[in-house]
Amino acid sequence: GRTFSSSAMGWFRQAPGKEREFVAAIIKTGGRTYYIDSVKGR
């Protein structure tokens, strides 16, 4: 729908009984990433 490279991409998750939470994201051009502490390193 939109040029893929124009958007940052991320992942969220939602477990039963919990709010949707951030997991990881990557900037438009790649390279720079962000992670929630619980998944960092793995």
PDB file of all heavy atoms in Angstrom:
ATOM      1  N   GLY A   1       0.794  -1.225   0.000  1.00  0.00           N
ATOM      2  CA  GLY A   1       0.000   0.000   0.000  1.00  0.00           C
ATOM      3  C   GLY A   1       0.824   1.271   0.000  1.00  0.00           C
ATOM      4  O   GLY A   1       0.546   2.182  -0.778  1.00  0.00           O
ATOM      5  N   ARG A   2       1.791   1.362   0.857  1.00  0.00           N
ATOM      6  CA  ARG A   2       2.682   2.503   0.949  1.00  0.00           C
ATOM      7  C   ARG A   2       4.106   2.022   0.725  1.00  0.00           C
ATOM      8  O   ARG A   2       4.419   0.874   1.047  1.00  0.00           O
ATOM      9  CB  ARG A   2       2.554   3.193   2.308  1.00  0.00           C
ATOM     10  CG  ARG A   2       3.436   4.422   2.494  1.00  0.00           C
ATOM     11  CD  ARG A   2       3.391   4.934   3.925  1.00  0.00           C
ATOM     12  NE  ARG A   2       2.106   5.526   4.254  1.00  0.00           N
ATOM     13  CZ  ARG A   2       1.824   6.065   5.435  1.00  0.00           C
ATOM     14  NH1 ARG A   2       2.745   6.078   6.393  1.00  0.00           N
ATOM     15  NH2 ARG A   2       0.616   6.571   5.657  1.00  0.00           N
ATOM     16  N   THR A   3       4.942   2.892   0.204  1.00  0.00           N
ATOM     17  CA  THR A   3       6.338   2.529   0.025  1.00  0.00           C
ATOM     18  C   THR A   3       6.904   2.046   1.350  1.00  0.00           C
ATOM     19  O   THR A   3       6.883   2.758   2.344  1.00  0.00           O
ATOM     20  CB  THR A   3       7.151   3.708  -0.497  1.00  0.00           C
ATOM     21  OG1 THR A   3       6.607   4.145  -1.747  1.00  0.00           O
ATOM     22  CG2 THR A   3       8.604   3.320  -0.709  1.00  0.00           C
ATOM     23  N   PHE A   4       7.382   0.819   1.365  1.00  0.00           N
ATOM     24  CA  PHE A   4       7.817   0.188   2.597  1.00  0.00           C
ATOM     25  C   PHE A   4       8.887   0.997   3.304  1.00  0.00           C
ATOM     26  O   PHE A   4       8.869   1.138   4.526  1.00  0.00           O
ATOM     27  CB  PHE A   4       8.310  -1.227   2.295  1.00  0.00           C
ATOM     28  CG  PHE A   4       8.744  -2.009   3.497  1.00  0.00           C
ATOM     29  CD1 PHE A   4       7.815  -2.493   4.398  1.00  0.00           C
ATOM     30  CD2 PHE A   4      10.090  -2.268   3.718  1.00  0.00           C
ATOM     31  CE1 PHE A   4       8.207  -3.227   5.503  1.00  0.00           C
ATOM     32  CE2 PHE A   4      10.497  -3.006   4.818  1.00  0.00           C
ATOM     33  CZ  PHE A   4       9.547  -3.485   5.712  1.00  0.00           C
ATOM     34  N   SER A   5       9.810   1.536   2.543  1.00  0.00           N
ATOM     35  CA  SER A   5      10.927   2.254   3.138  1.00  0.00           C
ATOM     36  C   SER A   5      10.516   3.573   3.781  1.00  0.00           C
ATOM     37  O   SER A   5      11.326   4.185   4.479  1.00  0.00           O
ATOM     38  CB  SER A   5      12.017   2.504   2.093  1.00  0.00           C
ATOM     39  OG  SER A   5      11.525   3.292   1.025  1.00  0.00           O
ATOM     40  N   SER A   6       9.286   4.024   3.572  1.00  0.00           N
ATOM     41  CA  SER A   6       8.815   5.272   4.170  1.00  0.00           C
ATOM     42  C   SER A   6       8.302   5.092   5.591  1.00  0.00           C
ATOM     43  O   SER A   6       7.939   6.074   6.241  1.00  0.00           O
ATOM     44  CB  SER A   6       7.716   5.890   3.305  1.00  0.00           C
ATOM     45  OG  SER A   6       6.527   5.127   3.356  1.00  0.00           O
ATOM     46  N   SER A   7       8.251   3.866   6.082  1.00  0.00           N
ATOM     47  CA  SER A   7       7.702   3.588   7.399  1.00  0.00           C
ATOM     48  C   SER A   7       8.710   2.891   8.292  1.00  0.00           C
ATOM     49  O   SER A   7       9.431   1.997   7.848  1.00  0.00           O
ATOM     50  CB  SER A   7       6.464   2.700   7.292  1.00  0.00           C
ATOM     51  OG  SER A   7       5.418   3.346   6.596  1.00  0.00           O
ATOM     52  N   ALA A   8       8.731   3.317   9.540  1.00  0.00           N
ATOM     53  CA  ALA A   8       9.381   2.508  10.558  1.00  0.00           C
ATOM     54  C   ALA A   8       8.515   1.281  10.823  1.00  0.00           C
ATOM     55  O   ALA A   8       7.288   1.343  10.705  1.00  0.00           O
ATOM     56  CB  ALA A   8       9.561   3.311  11.841  1.00  0.00           C
ATOM     57  N   MET A   9       9.138   0.177  11.179  1.00  0.00           N
ATOM     58  CA  MET A   9       8.413  -1.062  11.429  1.00  0.00           C
ATOM     59  C   MET A   9       8.676  -1.533  12.844  1.00  0.00           C
ATOM     60  O   MET A   9       9.781  -1.388  13.366  1.00  0.00           O
ATOM     61  CB  MET A   9       8.830  -2.144  10.435  1.00  0.00           C
ATOM     62  CG  MET A   9       8.591  -1.787   8.976  1.00  0.00           C
ATOM     63  SD  MET A   9       6.844  -1.520   8.595  1.00  0.00           S
ATOM     64  CE  MET A   9       6.177  -3.157   8.910  1.00  0.00           C
ATOM     65  N   GLY A  10       7.645  -2.111  13.442  1.00  0.00           N
ATOM     66  CA  GLY A  10       7.786  -2.583  14.800  1.00  0.00           C
ATOM     67  C   GLY A  10       6.960  -3.821  15.067  1.00  0.00           C
ATOM     68  O   GLY A  10       6.153  -4.256  14.234  1.00  0.00           O
ATOM     69  N   TRP A  11       7.198  -4.373  16.244  1.00  0.00           N
ATOM     70  CA  TRP A  11       6.465  -5.544  16.710  1.00  0.00           C
ATOM     71  C   TRP A  11       5.956  -5.291  18.121  1.00  0.00           C
ATOM     72  O   TRP A  11       6.698  -4.791  18.975  1.00  0.00           O
ATOM     73  CB  TRP A  11       7.349  -6.794  16.704  1.00  0.00           C
ATOM     74  CG  TRP A  11       7.734  -7.241  15.333  1.00  0.00           C
ATOM     75  CD1 TRP A  11       8.835  -6.877  14.624  1.00  0.00           C
ATOM     76  CD2 TRP A  11       6.999  -8.142  14.501  1.00  0.00           C
ATOM     77  NE1 TRP A  11       8.839  -7.496  13.402  1.00  0.00           N
ATOM     78  CE2 TRP A  11       7.723  -8.276  13.291  1.00  0.00           C
ATOM     79  CE3 TRP A  11       5.809  -8.841  14.655  1.00  0.00           C
ATOM     80  CZ2 TRP A  11       7.296  -9.086  12.247  1.00  0.00           C
ATOM     81  CZ3 TRP A  11       5.370  -9.653  13.617  1.00  0.00           C
ATOM     82  CH2 TRP A  11       6.112  -9.766  12.431  1.00  0.00           C
ATOM     83  N   PHE A  12       4.706  -5.632  18.355  1.00  0.00           N
ATOM     84  CA  PHE A  12       4.075  -5.570  19.658  1.00  0.00           C
ATOM     85  C   PHE A  12       3.513  -6.944  19.984  1.00  0.00           C
ATOM     86  O   PHE A  12       3.351  -7.780  19.098  1.00  0.00           O
ATOM     87  CB  PHE A  12       2.955  -4.531  19.683  1.00  0.00           C
ATOM     88  CG  PHE A  12       3.432  -3.108  19.599  1.00  0.00           C
ATOM     89  CD1 PHE A  12       3.944  -2.600  18.424  1.00  0.00           C
ATOM     90  CD2 PHE A  12       3.353  -2.274  20.704  1.00  0.00           C
ATOM     91  CE1 PHE A  12       4.383  -1.292  18.334  1.00  0.00           C
ATOM     92  CE2 PHE A  12       3.781  -0.954  20.635  1.00  0.00           C
ATOM     93  CZ  PHE A  12       4.297  -0.469  19.452  1.00  0.00           C
ATOM     94  N   ARG A  13       3.200  -7.165  21.248  1.00  0.00           N
ATOM     95  CA  ARG A  13       2.583  -8.428  21.628  1.00  0.00           C
ATOM     96  C   ARG A  13       1.549  -8.195  22.714  1.00  0.00           C
ATOM     97  O   ARG A  13       1.625  -7.235  23.472  1.00  0.00           O
ATOM     98  CB  ARG A  13       3.628  -9.446  22.097  1.00  0.00           C
ATOM     99  CG  ARG A  13       4.343  -9.078  23.384  1.00  0.00           C
ATOM    100  CD  ARG A  13       5.458 -10.063  23.671  1.00  0.00           C
ATOM    101  NE  ARG A  13       6.172  -9.750  24.893  1.00  0.00           N
ATOM    102  CZ  ARG A  13       7.277 -10.366  25.298  1.00  0.00           C
ATOM    103  NH1 ARG A  13       7.797 -11.352  24.563  1.00  0.00           N
ATOM    104  NH2 ARG A  13       7.865 -10.009  26.429  1.00  0.00           N
ATOM    105  N   GLN A  14       0.589  -9.099  22.784  1.00  0.00           N
ATOM    106  CA  GLN A  14      -0.447  -9.017  23.788  1.00  0.00           C
ATOM    107  C   GLN A  14      -0.755 -10.412  24.299  1.00  0.00           C
ATOM    108  O   GLN A  14      -1.186 -11.278  23.540  1.00  0.00           O
ATOM    109  CB  GLN A  14      -1.712  -8.359  23.234  1.00  0.00           C
ATOM    110  CG  GLN A  14      -2.757  -8.061  24.291  1.00  0.00           C
ATOM    111  CD  GLN A  14      -3.806  -7.091  23.799  1.00  0.00           C
ATOM    112  OE1 GLN A  14      -3.989  -6.904  22.601  1.00  0.00           O
ATOM    113  NE2 GLN A  14      -4.497  -6.459  24.727  1.00  0.00           N
ATOM    114  N   ALA A  15      -0.526 -10.610  25.581  1.00  0.00           N
ATOM    115  CA  ALA A  15      -0.825 -11.866  26.239  1.00  0.00           C
ATOM    116  C   ALA A  15      -2.185 -11.776  26.914  1.00  0.00           C
ATOM    117  O   ALA A  15      -2.676 -10.677  27.200  1.00  0.00           O
ATOM    118  CB  ALA A  15       0.255 -12.191  27.268  1.00  0.00           C
ATOM    119  N   PRO A  16      -2.819 -12.917  27.192  1.00  0.00           N
ATOM    120  CA  PRO A  16      -4.125 -12.891  27.855  1.00  0.00           C
ATOM    121  C   PRO A  16      -4.084 -12.116  29.164  1.00  0.00           C
ATOM    122  O   PRO A  16      -3.194 -12.318  29.994  1.00  0.00           O
ATOM    123  CB  PRO A  16      -4.423 -14.372  28.102  1.00  0.00           C
ATOM    124  CG  PRO A  16      -3.665 -15.082  27.029  1.00  0.00           C
ATOM    125  CD  PRO A  16      -2.401 -14.286  26.864  1.00  0.00           C
ATOM    126  N   GLY A  17      -5.038 -11.215  29.340  1.00  0.00           N
ATOM    127  CA  GLY A  17      -5.132 -10.439  30.555  1.00  0.00           C
ATOM    128  C   GLY A  17      -4.145  -9.304  30.680  1.00  0.00           C
ATOM    129  O   GLY A  17      -4.094  -8.656  31.735  1.00  0.00           O
ATOM    130  N   LYS A  18      -3.375  -9.031  29.637  1.00  0.00           N
ATOM    131  CA  LYS A  18      -2.374  -7.979  29.684  1.00  0.00           C
ATOM    132  C   LYS A  18      -2.593  -6.995  28.544  1.00  0.00           C
ATOM    133  O   LYS A  18      -3.222  -7.310  27.539  1.00  0.00           O
ATOM    134  CB  LYS A  18      -0.966  -8.562  29.607  1.00  0.00           C
ATOM    135  CG  LYS A  18      -0.634  -9.538  30.723  1.00  0.00           C
ATOM    136  CD  LYS A  18       0.786 -10.066  30.624  1.00  0.00           C
ATOM    137  CE  LYS A  18       1.806  -9.000  30.934  1.00  0.00           C
ATOM    138  NZ  LYS A  18       3.198  -9.556  30.952  1.00  0.00           N
ATOM    139  N   GLU A  19      -2.052  -5.798  28.713  1.00  0.00           N
ATOM    140  CA  GLU A  19      -2.130  -4.792  27.665  1.00  0.00           C
ATOM    141  C   GLU A  19      -1.128  -5.080  26.562  1.00  0.00           C
ATOM    142  O   GLU A  19      -0.124  -5.759  26.774  1.00  0.00           O
ATOM    143  CB  GLU A  19      -1.879  -3.405  28.247  1.00  0.00           C
ATOM    144  CG  GLU A  19      -2.932  -2.947  29.239  1.00  0.00           C
ATOM    145  CD  GLU A  19      -2.690  -1.535  29.725  1.00  0.00           C
ATOM    146  OE1 GLU A  19      -1.618  -0.975  29.435  1.00  0.00           O
ATOM    147  OE2 GLU A  19      -3.582  -0.988  30.385  1.00  0.00           O
ATOM    148  N   ARG A  20      -1.421  -4.555  25.391  1.00  0.00           N
ATOM    149  CA  ARG A  20      -0.489  -4.693  24.289  1.00  0.00           C
ATOM    150  C   ARG A  20       0.798  -3.930  24.611  1.00  0.00           C
ATOM    151  O   ARG A  20       0.759  -2.775  25.039  1.00  0.00           O
ATOM    152  CB  ARG A  20      -1.112  -4.160  22.998  1.00  0.00           C
ATOM    153  CG  ARG A  20      -0.309  -4.474  21.750  1.00  0.00           C
ATOM    154  CD  ARG A  20      -1.091  -4.132  20.486  1.00  0.00           C
ATOM    155  NE  ARG A  20      -2.327  -4.890  20.391  1.00  0.00           N
ATOM    156  CZ  ARG A  20      -3.139  -4.876  19.331  1.00  0.00           C
ATOM    157  NH1 ARG A  20      -2.835  -4.140  18.275  1.00  0.00           N
ATOM    158  NH2 ARG A  20      -4.249  -5.591  19.340  1.00  0.00           N
ATOM    159  N   GLU A  21       1.938  -4.586  24.411  1.00  0.00           N
ATOM    160  CA  GLU A  21       3.209  -3.986  24.761  1.00  0.00           C
ATOM    161  C   GLU A  21       4.178  -3.998  23.594  1.00  0.00           C
ATOM    162  O   GLU A  21       4.154  -4.885  22.741  1.00  0.00           O
ATOM    163  CB  GLU A  21       3.842  -4.704  25.963  1.00  0.00           C
ATOM    164  CG  GLU A  21       4.290  -6.120  25.683  1.00  0.00           C
ATOM    165  CD  GLU A  21       5.067  -6.742  26.835  1.00  0.00           C
ATOM    166  OE1 GLU A  21       5.383  -6.037  27.818  1.00  0.00           O
ATOM    167  OE2 GLU A  21       5.361  -7.952  26.764  1.00  0.00           O
ATOM    168  N   PHE A  22       5.041  -3.014  23.591  1.00  0.00           N
ATOM    169  CA  PHE A  22       6.094  -2.907  22.600  1.00  0.00           C
ATOM    170  C   PHE A  22       7.090  -4.037  22.757  1.00  0.00           C
ATOM    171  O   PHE A  22       7.411  -4.436  23.876  1.00  0.00           O
ATOM    172  CB  PHE A  22       6.805  -1.560  22.760  1.00  0.00           C
ATOM    173  CG  PHE A  22       8.042  -1.427  21.931  1.00  0.00           C
ATOM    174  CD1 PHE A  22       7.971  -1.048  20.606  1.00  0.00           C
ATOM    175  CD2 PHE A  22       9.283  -1.680  22.478  1.00  0.00           C
ATOM    176  CE1 PHE A  22       9.109  -0.917  19.835  1.00  0.00           C
ATOM    177  CE2 PHE A  22      10.438  -1.551  21.724  1.00  0.00           C
ATOM    178  CZ  PHE A  22      10.344  -1.171  20.399  1.00  0.00           C
ATOM    179  N   VAL A  23       7.595  -4.559  21.645  1.00  0.00           N
ATOM    180  CA  VAL A  23       8.625  -5.589  21.662  1.00  0.00           C
ATOM    181  C   VAL A  23       9.899  -5.094  20.990  1.00  0.00           C
ATOM    182  O   VAL A  23      10.983  -5.129  21.581  1.00  0.00           O
ATOM    183  CB  VAL A  23       8.156  -6.886  20.985  1.00  0.00           C
ATOM    184  CG1 VAL A  23       9.277  -7.925  20.991  1.00  0.00           C
ATOM    185  CG2 VAL A  23       6.910  -7.431  21.671  1.00  0.00           C
ATOM    186  N   ALA A  24       9.797  -4.644  19.739  1.00  0.00           N
ATOM    187  CA  ALA A  24      10.969  -4.234  18.982  1.00  0.00           C
ATOM    188  C   ALA A  24      10.556  -3.332  17.836  1.00  0.00           C
ATOM    189  O   ALA A  24       9.420  -3.367  17.377  1.00  0.00           O
ATOM    190  CB  ALA A  24      11.721  -5.456  18.442  1.00  0.00           C
ATOM    191  N   ALA A  25      11.493  -2.516  17.354  1.00  0.00           N
ATOM    192  CA  ALA A  25      11.231  -1.653  16.206  1.00  0.00           C
ATOM    193  C   ALA A  25      12.531  -1.367  15.476  1.00  0.00           C
ATOM    194  O   ALA A  25      13.614  -1.454  16.050  1.00  0.00           O
ATOM    195  CB  ALA A  25      10.565  -0.346  16.636  1.00  0.00           C
ATOM    196  N   ILE A  26      12.399  -0.990  14.201  1.00  0.00           N
ATOM    197  CA  ILE A  26      13.544  -0.682  13.368  1.00  0.00           C
ATOM    198  C   ILE A  26      13.229   0.557  12.543  1.00  0.00           C
ATOM    199  O   ILE A  26      12.107   0.735  12.070  1.00  0.00           O
ATOM    200  CB  ILE A  26      13.915  -1.895  12.477  1.00  0.00           C
ATOM    201  CG1 ILE A  26      15.202  -1.636  11.695  1.00  0.00           C
ATOM    202  CG2 ILE A  26      12.763  -2.264  11.544  1.00  0.00           C
ATOM    203  CD1 ILE A  26      15.775  -2.897  11.057  1.00  0.00           C
ATOM    204  N   ILE A  27      14.220   1.426  12.356  1.00  0.00           N
ATOM    205  CA  ILE A  27      14.001   2.669  11.642  1.00  0.00           C
ATOM    206  C   ILE A  27      13.794   2.415  10.153  1.00  0.00           C
ATOM    207  O   ILE A  27      14.013   1.307   9.654  1.00  0.00           O
ATOM    208  CB  ILE A  27      15.159   3.667  11.860  1.00  0.00           C
ATOM    209  CG1 ILE A  27      16.479   3.133  11.273  1.00  0.00           C
ATOM    210  CG2 ILE A  27      15.323   3.974  13.340  1.00  0.00           C
ATOM    211  CD1 ILE A  27      17.605   4.165  11.292  1.00  0.00           C
ATOM    212  N   LYS A  28      13.400   3.449   9.435  1.00  0.00           N
ATOM    213  CA  LYS A  28      13.017   3.315   8.032  1.00  0.00           C
ATOM    214  C   LYS A  28      14.104   2.731   7.151  1.00  0.00           C
ATOM    215  O   LYS A  28      13.823   1.947   6.241  1.00  0.00           O
ATOM    216  CB  LYS A  28      12.571   4.676   7.484  1.00  0.00           C
ATOM    217  CG  LYS A  28      11.357   5.258   8.173  1.00  0.00           C
ATOM    218  CD  LYS A  28      11.091   6.680   7.720  1.00  0.00           C
ATOM    219  CE  LYS A  28       9.924   7.276   8.475  1.00  0.00           C
ATOM    220  NZ  LYS A  28       9.674   8.679   8.080  1.00  0.00           N
ATOM    221  N   THR A  29      15.338   3.118   7.406  1.00  0.00           N
ATOM    222  CA  THR A  29      16.452   2.676   6.573  1.00  0.00           C
ATOM    223  C   THR A  29      17.153   1.435   7.122  1.00  0.00           C
ATOM    224  O   THR A  29      18.105   0.949   6.517  1.00  0.00           O
ATOM    225  CB  THR A  29      17.481   3.800   6.416  1.00  0.00           C
ATOM    226  OG1 THR A  29      17.915   4.243   7.699  1.00  0.00           O
ATOM    227  CG2 THR A  29      16.868   4.979   5.670  1.00  0.00           C
ATOM    228  N   GLY A  30      16.696   0.926   8.251  1.00  0.00           N
ATOM    229  CA  GLY A  30      17.339  -0.205   8.874  1.00  0.00           C
ATOM    230  C   GLY A  30      18.549   0.219   9.685  1.00  0.00           C
ATOM    231  O   GLY A  30      18.962   1.377   9.665  1.00  0.00           O
ATOM    232  N   GLY A  31      19.100  -0.711  10.414  1.00  0.00           N
ATOM    233  CA  GLY A  31      20.290  -0.440  11.204  1.00  0.00           C
ATOM    234  C   GLY A  31      19.972  -0.161  12.652  1.00  0.00           C
ATOM    235  O   GLY A  31      20.272  -0.980  13.534  1.00  0.00           O
ATOM    236  N   ARG A  32      19.363   0.985  12.919  1.00  0.00           N
ATOM    237  CA  ARG A  32      19.031   1.360  14.286  1.00  0.00           C
ATOM    238  C   ARG A  32      17.793   0.601  14.740  1.00  0.00           C
ATOM    239  O   ARG A  32      16.777   0.591  14.047  1.00  0.00           O
ATOM    240  CB  ARG A  32      18.787   2.860  14.386  1.00  0.00           C
ATOM    241  CG  ARG A  32      18.528   3.370  15.799  1.00  0.00           C
ATOM    242  CD  ARG A  32      19.810   3.397  16.610  1.00  0.00           C
ATOM    243  NE  ARG A  32      19.644   4.117  17.859  1.00  0.00           N
ATOM    244  CZ  ARG A  32      19.320   3.555  19.012  1.00  0.00           C
ATOM    245  NH1 ARG A  32      19.136   2.241  19.074  1.00  0.00           N
ATOM    246  NH2 ARG A  32      19.208   4.288  20.100  1.00  0.00           N
ATOM    247  N   THR A  33      17.897  -0.024  15.902  1.00  0.00           N
ATOM    248  CA  THR A  33      16.795  -0.825  16.422  1.00  0.00           C
ATOM    249  C   THR A  33      16.537  -0.502  17.881  1.00  0.00           C
ATOM    250  O   THR A  33      17.388   0.040  18.587  1.00  0.00           O
ATOM    251  CB  THR A  33      17.090  -2.322  16.279  1.00  0.00           C
ATOM    252  OG1 THR A  33      18.326  -2.627  16.945  1.00  0.00           O
ATOM    253  CG2 THR A  33      17.203  -2.715  14.810  1.00  0.00           C
ATOM    254  N   TYR A  34      15.349  -0.863  18.341  1.00  0.00           N
ATOM    255  CA  TYR A  34      14.938  -0.686  19.726  1.00  0.00           C
ATOM    256  C   TYR A  34      14.293  -1.979  20.199  1.00  0.00           C
ATOM    257  O   TYR A  34      13.585  -2.650  19.442  1.00  0.00           O
ATOM    258  CB  TYR A  34      13.932   0.459  19.865  1.00  0.00           C
ATOM    259  CG  TYR A  34      14.429   1.791  19.365  1.00  0.00           C
ATOM    260  CD1 TYR A  34      14.282   2.149  18.033  1.00  0.00           C
ATOM    261  CD2 TYR A  34      15.041   2.693  20.235  1.00  0.00           C
ATOM    262  CE1 TYR A  34      14.740   3.375  17.571  1.00  0.00           C
ATOM    263  CE2 TYR A  34      15.495   3.913  19.775  1.00  0.00           C
ATOM    264  CZ  TYR A  34      15.345   4.253  18.450  1.00  0.00           C
ATOM    265  OH  TYR A  34      15.797   5.471  17.996  1.00  0.00           O
ATOM    266  N   TYR A  35      14.520  -2.320  21.470  1.00  0.00           N
ATOM    267  CA  TYR A  35      13.968  -3.533  22.039  1.00  0.00           C
ATOM    268  C   TYR A  35      13.499  -3.293  23.462  1.00  0.00           C
ATOM    269  O   TYR A  35      14.104  -2.511  24.203  1.00  0.00           O
ATOM    270  CB  TYR A  35      15.002  -4.657  22.084  1.00  0.00           C
ATOM    271  CG  TYR A  35      15.547  -5.077  20.747  1.00  0.00           C
ATOM    272  CD1 TYR A  35      16.713  -4.517  20.252  1.00  0.00           C
ATOM    273  CD2 TYR A  35      14.901  -6.046  19.990  1.00  0.00           C
ATOM    274  CE1 TYR A  35      17.220  -4.911  19.020  1.00  0.00           C
ATOM    275  CE2 TYR A  35      15.401  -6.444  18.767  1.00  0.00           C
ATOM    276  CZ  TYR A  35      16.564  -5.875  18.287  1.00  0.00           C
ATOM    277  OH  TYR A  35      17.061  -6.266  17.072  1.00  0.00           O
ATOM    278  N   ILE A  36      12.458  -4.003  23.837  1.00  0.00           N
ATOM    279  CA  ILE A  36      12.091  -4.035  25.238  1.00  0.00           C
ATOM    280  C   ILE A  36      13.126  -4.883  25.974  1.00  0.00           C
ATOM    281  O   ILE A  36      13.689  -5.826  25.418  1.00  0.00           O
ATOM    282  CB  ILE A  36      10.667  -4.598  25.416  1.00  0.00           C
ATOM    283  CG1 ILE A  36      10.150  -4.364  26.828  1.00  0.00           C
ATOM    284  CG2 ILE A  36      10.607  -6.063  25.057  1.00  0.00           C
ATOM    285  CD1 ILE A  36       8.672  -4.703  26.991  1.00  0.00           C
ATOM    286  N   ASP A  37      13.384  -4.541  27.224  1.00  0.00           N
ATOM    287  CA  ASP A  37      14.457  -5.188  27.965  1.00  0.00           C
ATOM    288  C   ASP A  37      14.301  -6.705  28.037  1.00  0.00           C
ATOM    289  O   ASP A  37      15.297  -7.436  28.016  1.00  0.00           O
ATOM    290  CB  ASP A  37      14.543  -4.614  29.381  1.00  0.00           C
ATOM    291  CG  ASP A  37      15.161  -3.233  29.419  1.00  0.00           C
ATOM    292  OD1 ASP A  37      15.753  -2.811  28.413  1.00  0.00           O
ATOM    293  OD2 ASP A  37      15.056  -2.570  30.470  1.00  0.00           O
ATOM    294  N   SER A  38      13.088  -7.192  28.115  1.00  0.00           N
ATOM    295  CA  SER A  38      12.868  -8.616  28.300  1.00  0.00           C
ATOM    296  C   SER A  38      13.269  -9.465  27.096  1.00  0.00           C
ATOM    297  O   SER A  38      13.450 -10.675  27.231  1.00  0.00           O
ATOM    298  CB  SER A  38      11.407  -8.892  28.666  1.00  0.00           C
ATOM    299  OG  SER A  38      10.541  -8.483  27.626  1.00  0.00           O
ATOM    300  N   VAL A  39      13.419  -8.868  25.917  1.00  0.00           N
ATOM    301  CA  VAL A  39      13.833  -9.618  24.735  1.00  0.00           C
ATOM    302  C   VAL A  39      15.208  -9.204  24.233  1.00  0.00           C
ATOM    303  O   VAL A  39      15.744  -9.847  23.315  1.00  0.00           O
ATOM    304  CB  VAL A  39      12.813  -9.495  23.577  1.00  0.00           C
ATOM    305  CG1 VAL A  39      11.423  -9.876  24.051  1.00  0.00           C
ATOM    306  CG2 VAL A  39      12.821  -8.092  22.983  1.00  0.00           C
ATOM    307  N   LYS A  40      15.773  -8.167  24.795  1.00  0.00           N
ATOM    308  CA  LYS A  40      17.084  -7.681  24.380  1.00  0.00           C
ATOM    309  C   LYS A  40      18.125  -8.788  24.498  1.00  0.00           C
ATOM    310  O   LYS A  40      18.212  -9.462  25.519  1.00  0.00           O
ATOM    311  CB  LYS A  40      17.484  -6.486  25.239  1.00  0.00           C
ATOM    312  CG  LYS A  40      18.808  -5.837  24.871  1.00  0.00           C
ATOM    313  CD  LYS A  40      18.667  -4.961  23.655  1.00  0.00           C
ATOM    314  CE  LYS A  40      19.944  -4.174  23.398  1.00  0.00           C
ATOM    315  NZ  LYS A  40      19.823  -3.303  22.219  1.00  0.00           N
ATOM    316  N   GLY A  41      18.900  -8.995  23.437  1.00  0.00           N
ATOM    317  CA  GLY A  41      19.953  -9.994  23.445  1.00  0.00           C
ATOM    318  C   GLY A  41      19.550 -11.345  22.907  1.00  0.00           C
ATOM    319  O   GLY A  41      20.423 -12.166  22.603  1.00  0.00           O
ATOM    320  N   ARG A  42      18.267 -11.611  22.798  1.00  0.00           N
ATOM    321  CA  ARG A  42      17.813 -12.887  22.267  1.00  0.00           C
ATOM    322  C   ARG A  42      16.836 -12.717  21.109  1.00  0.00           C
ATOM    323  O   ARG A  42      16.330 -13.721  20.592  1.00  0.00           O
ATOM    324  CB  ARG A  42      17.205 -13.754  23.366  1.00  0.00           C
ATOM    325  CG  ARG A  42      16.032 -13.152  24.088  1.00  0.00           C
ATOM    326  CD  ARG A  42      15.637 -14.019  25.291  1.00  0.00           C
ATOM    327  NE  ARG A  42      14.472 -13.471  25.964  1.00  0.00           N
ATOM    328  CZ  ARG A  42      13.214 -13.823  25.713  1.00  0.00           C
ATOM    329  NH1 ARG A  42      12.961 -14.758  24.812  1.00  0.00           N
ATOM    330  NH2 ARG A  42      12.215 -13.265  26.367  1.00  0.00           N
TER     331      ARG A  42
END
